[in-house]
Amino acid sequence: QVQFVESGGTLVQPGGSLRLSCAASENIVNIGAVAWYRQAPGKKREWVARIGPSATSYAGSVIGRFTLSRDYAKNTVYLQMANLKEEDTAVYYCTTDATTWGQGTQVTVSS
């Protein structure tokens, strides 16, 4: 079963940018789709974005601000986040099946 390690989260001011990394334990070519989720304090985990073999999709709340990409050589999927808002504050996770979760990475948007 593929394992992921998320990183890149930190404290950032509103309007700022951040890039999260999701490093896979195996070749992402063989994985297929990878999705990002996030969980804010006191809220349910929610889907953020998904990158598949030939397409990407995004939640309405992040369209135009978040962008997915991947580096096959590094077996890593990236989530580039721009124009961050306080409501983007959450722990961010990547997964293939929405049932297996890693440690996540904390993003805090605050002035």
Protein backbone atom coordinates (compact mmCIF):
# COMPACT_ATOMS: atom_id res chain seq x y z
CA GLN A 1 0.00 0.00 0.00
CA VAL A 2 1.42 3.36 -1.00
CA GLN A 3 2.41 5.72 1.78
CA PHE A 4 2.57 9.49 1.55
CA VAL A 5 4.55 12.09 3.47
CA GLU A 6 3.15 15.58 3.39
CA SER A 7 5.33 18.63 4.02
CA GLY A 8 5.61 22.34 3.41
CA GLY A 9 3.00 23.64 5.79
CA THR A 10 3.77 26.69 7.87
CA LEU A 11 2.40 29.99 9.12
CA VAL A 12 1.66 32.44 6.31
CA GLN A 13 -0.08 35.79 6.14
CA PRO A 14 -3.39 36.26 4.32
CA GLY A 15 -2.75 36.80 0.64
CA GLY A 16 0.45 34.81 0.78
CA SER A 17 1.51 31.71 -1.11
CA LEU A 18 2.72 28.29 -0.13
CA ARG A 19 3.61 25.03 -1.83
CA LEU A 20 2.83 21.72 -0.18
CA SER A 21 4.56 18.49 -1.13
CA CYS A 22 3.22 14.96 -1.08
CA ALA A 23 6.02 12.42 -1.45
CA ALA A 24 4.94 8.91 -2.37
CA SER A 25 6.62 5.68 -1.33
CA GLU A 26 6.36 4.30 -4.84
CA ASN A 27 6.27 5.38 -8.45
CA ILE A 28 3.38 7.80 -8.88
CA VAL A 29 2.95 6.66 -12.45
CA ASN A 30 1.55 3.44 -11.03
CA ILE A 31 -0.60 5.15 -8.42
CA GLY A 32 -3.07 6.89 -10.67
CA ALA A 33 -4.97 9.65 -8.97
CA VAL A 34 -3.82 11.50 -5.86
CA ALA A 35 -6.12 13.75 -3.90
CA TRP A 36 -5.56 16.45 -1.31
CA TYR A 37 -7.89 16.87 1.63
CA ARG A 38 -7.84 19.24 4.55
CA GLN A 39 -9.28 19.35 8.02
CA ALA A 40 -9.79 22.58 9.90
CA PRO A 41 -10.17 22.65 13.69
CA GLY A 42 -13.59 21.44 14.69
CA LYS A 43 -14.61 20.61 11.14
CA LYS A 44 -14.89 17.51 9.02
CA ARG A 45 -12.15 16.60 6.60
CA GLU A 46 -12.95 17.99 3.15
CA TRP A 47 -11.74 17.31 -0.34
CA VAL A 48 -9.58 20.03 -1.87
CA ALA A 49 -8.22 18.83 -5.19
CA ARG A 50 -7.39 15.77 -7.26
CA ILE A 51 -4.84 15.04 -9.93
CA GLY A 52 -5.42 12.07 -12.16
CA PRO A 53 -3.54 10.60 -15.09
CA SER A 54 -4.99 13.15 -17.48
CA ALA A 55 -7.02 15.68 -15.53
CA THR A 56 -7.17 17.78 -12.39
CA SER A 57 -10.15 18.98 -10.41
CA TYR A 58 -10.61 21.41 -7.55
CA ALA A 59 -13.12 22.25 -4.88
CA GLY A 60 -15.05 25.42 -5.55
CA SER A 61 -13.48 27.18 -2.59
CA VAL A 62 -9.97 26.89 -4.06
CA ILE A 63 -10.51 27.18 -7.81
CA GLY A 64 -8.25 29.84 -9.26
CA ARG A 65 -6.06 29.90 -6.16
CA PHE A 66 -4.69 26.34 -5.84
CA THR A 67 -2.83 24.43 -8.53
CA LEU A 68 -1.76 20.80 -8.63
CA SER A 69 1.37 19.50 -10.29
CA ARG A 70 3.61 16.44 -10.06
CA ASP A 71 7.22 15.50 -10.50
CA TYR A 72 7.54 11.91 -11.68
CA ALA A 73 11.27 11.85 -11.05
CA LYS A 74 10.69 12.66 -7.39
CA ASN A 75 7.44 10.71 -7.02
CA THR A 76 5.93 13.84 -5.57
CA VAL A 77 2.68 15.70 -6.03
CA TYR A 78 2.57 19.40 -5.23
CA LEU A 79 -0.23 21.70 -4.17
CA GLN A 80 0.63 25.30 -4.99
CA MET A 81 -1.55 27.64 -2.97
CA ALA A 82 -1.92 31.34 -3.67
CA ASN A 83 -3.96 34.21 -2.27
CA LEU A 84 -4.37 32.26 0.95
CA LYS A 85 -7.23 33.08 3.26
CA GLU A 86 -7.70 32.48 6.95
CA GLU A 87 -10.31 29.87 6.11
CA ASP A 88 -7.60 27.84 4.38
CA THR A 89 -6.12 27.13 7.80
CA ALA A 90 -6.13 23.36 8.23
CA VAL A 91 -4.07 20.21 8.29
CA TYR A 92 -3.58 19.10 4.69
CA TYR A 93 -3.38 15.45 3.68
CA CYS A 94 -2.84 13.56 0.46
CA THR A 95 -4.30 10.17 -0.30
CA THR A 96 -5.31 7.81 -3.05
CA ASP A 97 -8.36 6.25 -1.43
CA ALA A 98 -9.62 8.72 1.19
CA THR A 99 -9.29 6.04 3.84
CA THR A 100 -5.53 5.89 4.41
CA TRP A 101 -4.06 9.02 5.93
CA GLY A 102 -0.59 10.20 6.77
CA GLN A 103 0.48 12.77 9.34
CA GLY A 104 -0.54 15.71 7.23
CA THR A 105 1.03 19.14 7.23
CA GLN A 106 -0.29 22.15 9.11
CA VAL A 107 -1.10 25.33 7.21
CA THR A 108 -1.96 28.37 9.29
CA VAL A 109 -3.06 31.56 7.58
CA SER A 110 -3.02 34.43 10.00
CA SER A 111 -1.79 37.97 10.33
